[in-house]
N, C-alpha and C. Protein backbone atom coordinates (compact mmCIF):
# COMPACT_ATOMS: atom_id res chain seq x y z
N UNK A 1 124.56 11.16 -7.10
CA UNK A 1 125.39 10.91 -8.27
C UNK A 1 126.07 9.62 -7.99
N UNK A 2 126.08 8.78 -8.99
CA UNK A 2 126.93 7.56 -8.90
C UNK A 2 128.43 7.91 -8.99
N UNK A 3 129.10 6.92 -8.21
CA UNK A 3 130.73 7.16 -8.26
C UNK A 3 131.21 6.50 -9.40
N UNK A 4 132.02 7.13 -10.23
CA UNK A 4 132.70 6.59 -11.31
C UNK A 4 134.00 5.89 -11.11
N UNK A 5 134.70 6.27 -9.99
CA UNK A 5 135.88 5.57 -9.61
C UNK A 5 135.80 5.33 -8.27
N UNK A 6 136.13 3.91 -7.82
CA UNK A 6 135.84 3.36 -6.54
C UNK A 6 137.30 2.96 -5.92
N UNK A 7 137.12 2.66 -4.58
CA UNK A 7 138.28 2.02 -4.09
C UNK A 7 138.55 0.69 -4.61
N UNK A 8 139.83 0.37 -4.84
CA UNK A 8 140.36 -0.81 -5.42
C UNK A 8 140.42 -0.86 -7.03
N UNK A 9 139.89 0.22 -7.60
CA UNK A 9 140.05 0.31 -9.09
C UNK A 9 141.43 0.48 -9.49
N UNK A 10 141.87 -0.01 -10.66
CA UNK A 10 143.07 0.30 -11.28
C UNK A 10 142.92 1.47 -12.26
N UNK A 11 143.73 2.43 -11.84
CA UNK A 11 143.68 3.80 -12.65
C UNK A 11 145.02 4.12 -13.20
N UNK A 12 145.02 5.01 -14.28
CA UNK A 12 146.28 5.69 -14.83
C UNK A 12 146.22 7.02 -14.59
N UNK A 13 147.29 7.79 -14.30
CA UNK A 13 147.30 9.14 -14.10
C UNK A 13 147.45 9.85 -15.41
N UNK A 14 146.61 10.72 -15.77
CA UNK A 14 146.59 11.43 -17.10
C UNK A 14 147.29 12.75 -17.09
N UNK A 15 147.46 13.45 -15.95
CA UNK A 15 147.97 14.87 -15.83
C UNK A 15 148.96 14.93 -14.75
N UNK A 16 149.79 16.00 -14.96
CA UNK A 16 150.77 16.32 -13.82
C UNK A 16 152.14 15.57 -13.92
N UNK A 17 153.10 15.60 -13.00
CA UNK A 17 154.40 15.16 -13.05
C UNK A 17 154.32 13.58 -12.93
N UNK A 18 153.28 13.05 -12.43
CA UNK A 18 153.22 11.63 -12.23
C UNK A 18 152.48 10.88 -13.49
N UNK A 19 152.29 11.65 -14.62
CA UNK A 19 151.58 11.14 -15.74
C UNK A 19 152.03 9.91 -16.30
N UNK A 20 151.14 8.99 -16.58
CA UNK A 20 151.54 7.63 -17.12
C UNK A 20 151.58 6.64 -16.07
N UNK A 21 151.72 6.82 -14.75
CA UNK A 21 151.89 5.98 -13.77
C UNK A 21 150.57 5.22 -13.61
N UNK A 22 150.57 3.86 -13.21
CA UNK A 22 149.40 3.16 -12.97
C UNK A 22 149.34 2.67 -11.60
N UNK A 23 148.26 2.72 -10.93
CA UNK A 23 148.11 2.26 -9.43
C UNK A 23 146.69 1.93 -9.16
N UNK A 24 146.65 1.44 -7.97
CA UNK A 24 145.35 1.10 -7.31
C UNK A 24 145.01 2.17 -6.47
N UNK A 25 143.55 2.42 -6.59
CA UNK A 25 142.79 3.43 -5.63
C UNK A 25 142.80 2.91 -4.22
N UNK A 26 143.37 3.75 -3.19
CA UNK A 26 143.50 3.37 -1.90
C UNK A 26 142.23 3.86 -1.27
N UNK A 27 141.89 5.06 -1.55
CA UNK A 27 140.69 5.73 -0.95
C UNK A 27 140.31 6.83 -1.82
N UNK A 28 138.87 7.15 -1.73
CA UNK A 28 138.20 8.17 -2.55
C UNK A 28 137.72 9.26 -1.58
N UNK A 29 138.05 10.46 -1.65
CA UNK A 29 137.62 11.45 -0.90
C UNK A 29 136.58 12.26 -1.66
N UNK A 30 135.31 11.90 -1.54
CA UNK A 30 134.29 12.36 -2.33
C UNK A 30 133.88 13.92 -2.03
N UNK A 31 133.98 14.27 -0.89
CA UNK A 31 133.66 15.89 -0.80
C UNK A 31 134.68 16.65 -1.46
N UNK A 32 136.00 16.18 -1.58
CA UNK A 32 137.02 16.93 -2.14
C UNK A 32 137.20 16.70 -3.65
N UNK A 33 136.50 15.67 -4.05
CA UNK A 33 136.72 15.15 -5.61
C UNK A 33 138.16 14.72 -5.72
N UNK A 34 138.68 13.92 -4.78
CA UNK A 34 140.05 13.67 -4.88
C UNK A 34 140.20 12.04 -4.69
N UNK A 35 141.27 11.39 -5.05
CA UNK A 35 141.63 9.98 -4.84
C UNK A 35 143.04 9.87 -4.36
N UNK A 36 143.18 8.81 -3.51
CA UNK A 36 144.59 8.39 -3.24
C UNK A 36 144.98 7.11 -3.77
N UNK A 37 145.96 7.27 -4.65
CA UNK A 37 146.53 6.11 -5.43
C UNK A 37 147.75 5.68 -4.92
N UNK A 38 148.00 4.28 -4.85
CA UNK A 38 149.11 3.67 -4.32
C UNK A 38 150.38 3.98 -5.15
N UNK A 39 151.32 4.37 -4.51
CA UNK A 39 152.86 4.64 -5.14
C UNK A 39 152.78 5.85 -6.05
N UNK A 40 151.65 6.74 -6.01
CA UNK A 40 151.64 7.91 -6.88
C UNK A 40 151.46 9.14 -6.00
N UNK A 41 152.11 10.33 -6.47
CA UNK A 41 152.19 11.45 -5.73
C UNK A 41 152.67 11.34 -4.33
N UNK A 42 153.84 10.73 -4.17
CA UNK A 42 154.40 10.60 -2.89
C UNK A 42 154.99 11.90 -2.43
N UNK A 43 154.70 12.20 -1.03
CA UNK A 43 155.39 13.38 -0.28
C UNK A 43 156.02 12.84 0.84
N UNK A 44 156.89 13.79 1.32
CA UNK A 44 157.69 13.35 2.56
C UNK A 44 157.01 14.21 3.74
N UNK A 45 156.76 13.39 4.68
CA UNK A 45 156.16 14.00 5.95
C UNK A 45 157.03 13.80 7.21
N UNK A 46 157.30 14.76 7.97
CA UNK A 46 158.10 14.68 9.03
C UNK A 46 157.06 14.24 10.46
N UNK A 47 157.39 13.28 10.90
CA UNK A 47 156.46 12.81 11.99
C UNK A 47 157.23 12.67 13.23
N UNK A 48 156.65 13.13 14.42
CA UNK A 48 157.29 13.08 15.67
C UNK A 48 157.01 11.67 16.23
N UNK A 49 158.00 11.28 17.17
CA UNK A 49 157.78 10.08 17.77
C UNK A 49 156.67 9.97 18.82
N UNK A 50 155.85 8.92 18.96
CA UNK A 50 154.94 8.73 19.83
C UNK A 50 155.33 7.47 20.47
N UNK A 51 155.67 7.46 21.76
CA UNK A 51 156.07 6.30 22.46
C UNK A 51 155.22 5.12 22.48
N UNK A 52 155.70 4.01 22.18
CA UNK A 52 155.00 2.63 21.98
C UNK A 52 153.88 2.66 20.92
N UNK A 53 154.08 3.61 19.88
CA UNK A 53 153.24 3.56 18.75
C UNK A 53 153.93 3.62 17.46
N UNK A 54 154.83 4.74 17.36
CA UNK A 54 155.64 4.84 16.06
C UNK A 54 156.98 5.59 16.43
N UNK A 55 157.84 5.28 15.57
CA UNK A 55 159.25 5.92 15.63
C UNK A 55 159.15 7.13 14.82
N UNK A 56 159.87 8.11 15.32
CA UNK A 56 159.84 9.46 14.74
C UNK A 56 160.69 9.46 13.40
N UNK A 57 160.59 10.32 12.50
CA UNK A 57 161.31 10.36 11.28
C UNK A 57 160.68 10.99 10.15
N UNK A 58 161.21 10.74 9.04
CA UNK A 58 160.58 11.20 7.78
C UNK A 58 160.16 10.07 7.03
N UNK A 59 158.65 10.11 6.74
CA UNK A 59 157.96 9.19 6.18
C UNK A 59 157.43 9.45 4.70
N UNK A 60 157.42 8.70 3.84
CA UNK A 60 156.77 9.02 2.52
C UNK A 60 155.35 8.54 2.49
N UNK A 61 154.38 9.32 2.10
CA UNK A 61 153.06 8.83 2.15
C UNK A 61 152.36 9.40 0.88
N UNK A 62 151.25 8.71 0.37
CA UNK A 62 150.63 9.16 -0.68
C UNK A 62 149.81 10.25 -0.46
N UNK A 63 149.87 11.35 -1.47
CA UNK A 63 148.97 12.45 -1.29
C UNK A 63 147.85 12.33 -2.19
N UNK A 64 146.66 12.86 -1.91
CA UNK A 64 145.48 12.75 -2.87
C UNK A 64 145.78 13.65 -4.21
N UNK A 65 145.19 13.14 -5.25
CA UNK A 65 145.27 13.89 -6.45
C UNK A 65 143.72 13.99 -6.91
N UNK A 66 143.58 15.07 -7.79
CA UNK A 66 142.09 15.29 -8.27
C UNK A 66 141.70 14.14 -9.25
N UNK A 67 140.32 13.87 -8.76
CA UNK A 67 139.78 12.76 -9.70
C UNK A 67 139.73 13.08 -11.23
N UNK A 68 139.82 14.19 -11.54
CA UNK A 68 139.65 14.43 -13.09
C UNK A 68 141.14 14.17 -13.67
N UNK A 69 142.20 13.80 -12.87
CA UNK A 69 143.48 13.58 -13.49
C UNK A 69 143.86 12.16 -13.50
N UNK A 70 142.64 11.31 -13.36
CA UNK A 70 142.95 9.85 -13.50
C UNK A 70 141.86 9.29 -14.23
N UNK A 71 142.20 8.07 -15.01
CA UNK A 71 141.26 7.38 -15.87
C UNK A 71 141.30 5.87 -15.38
N UNK A 72 140.04 5.36 -15.35
CA UNK A 72 139.94 4.03 -14.92
C UNK A 72 140.46 3.10 -15.99
N UNK A 73 141.23 2.06 -15.76
CA UNK A 73 141.73 1.03 -16.74
C UNK A 73 140.76 -0.01 -16.72
N UNK A 74 140.10 -0.22 -17.83
CA UNK A 74 139.12 -1.30 -18.01
C UNK A 74 139.56 -2.60 -17.76
N UNK A 75 138.91 -3.33 -16.78
CA UNK A 75 139.39 -4.73 -16.64
C UNK A 75 139.28 -5.79 -17.77
N UNK A 76 138.33 -5.44 -18.74
CA UNK A 76 138.21 -6.18 -19.84
C UNK A 76 139.27 -6.00 -20.98
N UNK A 77 139.27 -4.81 -21.50
CA UNK A 77 140.06 -4.30 -22.59
C UNK A 77 141.52 -3.88 -22.21
N UNK A 78 141.67 -3.63 -21.00
CA UNK A 78 143.02 -3.16 -20.33
C UNK A 78 143.48 -1.84 -20.89
N UNK A 79 142.59 -0.96 -21.28
CA UNK A 79 142.80 0.33 -21.76
C UNK A 79 142.30 1.50 -20.82
N UNK A 80 142.90 2.52 -20.78
CA UNK A 80 142.22 3.76 -20.01
C UNK A 80 140.94 4.12 -20.72
N UNK A 81 140.01 4.33 -19.95
CA UNK A 81 138.84 4.66 -20.58
C UNK A 81 137.90 5.58 -19.79
N UNK A 82 137.02 6.12 -20.33
CA UNK A 82 136.04 6.90 -19.67
C UNK A 82 134.92 5.92 -19.19
N UNK A 83 134.17 6.25 -18.07
CA UNK A 83 133.14 5.48 -17.40
C UNK A 83 131.76 6.08 -17.73
N UNK A 84 130.93 5.14 -17.91
CA UNK A 84 129.49 5.57 -18.07
C UNK A 84 128.66 4.84 -17.08
N UNK A 85 127.34 5.28 -16.91
CA UNK A 85 126.56 4.51 -16.07
C UNK A 85 125.36 4.08 -16.97
N UNK A 86 124.98 2.81 -16.77
CA UNK A 86 123.93 2.22 -17.62
C UNK A 86 122.75 1.74 -16.66
N UNK A 87 121.54 1.87 -16.97
CA UNK A 87 120.47 1.32 -16.19
C UNK A 87 119.83 0.28 -17.03
N UNK A 88 119.65 -0.78 -16.51
CA UNK A 88 118.98 -2.03 -17.00
C UNK A 88 117.82 -2.43 -16.34
N UNK A 89 116.71 -2.49 -16.96
CA UNK A 89 115.36 -2.86 -16.37
C UNK A 89 115.10 -4.36 -16.56
N UNK A 90 114.97 -5.22 -15.47
CA UNK A 90 114.75 -6.60 -15.56
C UNK A 90 113.43 -6.96 -14.87
N UNK A 91 112.17 -6.73 -15.43
CA UNK A 91 111.02 -6.85 -14.74
C UNK A 91 110.84 -5.79 -13.70
N UNK A 92 110.86 -6.24 -12.51
CA UNK A 92 110.60 -5.29 -11.41
C UNK A 92 111.93 -4.72 -10.76
N UNK A 93 113.05 -5.29 -11.29
CA UNK A 93 114.39 -4.91 -10.78
C UNK A 93 115.00 -3.74 -11.77
N UNK A 94 115.62 -2.72 -11.23
CA UNK A 94 116.46 -1.87 -11.96
C UNK A 94 117.86 -2.00 -11.38
N UNK A 95 118.62 -2.33 -12.25
CA UNK A 95 120.15 -2.46 -12.02
C UNK A 95 120.98 -1.34 -12.68
N UNK A 96 121.92 -0.79 -12.02
CA UNK A 96 122.69 0.30 -12.39
C UNK A 96 124.20 -0.27 -12.62
N UNK A 97 124.80 -0.33 -13.79
CA UNK A 97 126.17 -0.67 -13.94
C UNK A 97 127.18 0.41 -14.34
N UNK A 98 128.33 0.34 -13.90
CA UNK A 98 129.37 1.15 -14.64
C UNK A 98 129.79 0.50 -15.89
N UNK A 99 130.01 1.03 -16.95
CA UNK A 99 130.59 0.44 -18.13
C UNK A 99 131.71 1.14 -18.96
N UNK A 100 132.40 0.42 -19.68
CA UNK A 100 133.52 0.99 -20.25
C UNK A 100 133.01 1.61 -21.67
N UNK A 101 133.44 2.88 -21.90
CA UNK A 101 132.91 3.56 -23.22
C UNK A 101 133.65 3.06 -24.31
N UNK A 102 134.70 2.36 -24.15
CA UNK A 102 135.48 1.94 -25.30
C UNK A 102 134.97 0.59 -25.81
N UNK A 103 134.89 -0.30 -24.91
CA UNK A 103 134.43 -1.71 -25.39
C UNK A 103 133.01 -2.01 -25.03
N UNK A 104 132.31 -0.97 -24.43
CA UNK A 104 130.87 -1.26 -24.05
C UNK A 104 130.53 -2.28 -23.11
N UNK A 105 131.47 -2.88 -22.48
CA UNK A 105 131.32 -4.05 -21.44
C UNK A 105 130.99 -3.46 -20.16
N UNK A 106 130.19 -4.05 -19.37
CA UNK A 106 129.81 -3.81 -18.05
C UNK A 106 130.82 -4.08 -17.09
N UNK A 107 131.34 -3.09 -16.19
CA UNK A 107 132.49 -3.19 -15.36
C UNK A 107 131.95 -3.89 -14.06
N UNK A 108 130.95 -3.33 -13.35
CA UNK A 108 130.38 -4.03 -12.23
C UNK A 108 129.01 -3.35 -11.85
N UNK A 109 128.39 -3.86 -10.95
CA UNK A 109 127.12 -3.59 -10.64
C UNK A 109 127.08 -2.51 -9.47
N UNK A 110 126.59 -1.31 -9.58
CA UNK A 110 126.57 -0.32 -8.64
C UNK A 110 125.60 -0.57 -7.61
N UNK A 111 124.18 -0.58 -8.16
CA UNK A 111 123.13 -0.76 -7.26
C UNK A 111 121.94 -1.53 -7.91
N UNK A 112 121.39 -2.21 -7.09
CA UNK A 112 120.09 -2.94 -7.59
C UNK A 112 118.85 -2.46 -6.79
N UNK A 113 117.86 -2.22 -7.36
CA UNK A 113 116.62 -1.63 -6.63
C UNK A 113 115.51 -2.17 -7.16
N UNK A 114 114.54 -2.69 -6.31
CA UNK A 114 113.26 -3.31 -6.66
C UNK A 114 112.28 -2.24 -6.73
N UNK A 115 111.54 -2.11 -7.98
CA UNK A 115 110.50 -1.14 -8.03
C UNK A 115 109.31 -1.56 -7.39
N UNK A 116 108.74 -0.66 -6.71
CA UNK A 116 107.33 -0.87 -5.79
C UNK A 116 106.17 -0.50 -6.78
N UNK A 117 105.28 -1.44 -6.91
CA UNK A 117 104.16 -1.08 -7.73
C UNK A 117 103.09 -0.49 -6.81
N UNK A 118 102.54 0.65 -7.20
CA UNK A 118 101.54 1.40 -6.52
C UNK A 118 100.16 0.94 -6.86
């Protein structure tokens, strides 16, 4: 199944105590259906000192949130939107795009595949 939210996407949080915050996706944890968003869902973690590597102390890090609790912000219309997958056939080439369901504009190319004629 194609990914609807990727690393580097701008998203808005729709549920939970962080509702309304906008941030960039740092990483996507596909097996757990979670995303890590920059400056959203910060937790405090107590870390021990490792000599010549890091100082010990209390660090604030981003915790993952469920992918269903975020919506992609469309780069064209700048609104939170649902994402669809569109297949476009161009001769022997099949292109898959993510698209905004509000403005119907293509967001980016997911995959390009050349059809083999048998």
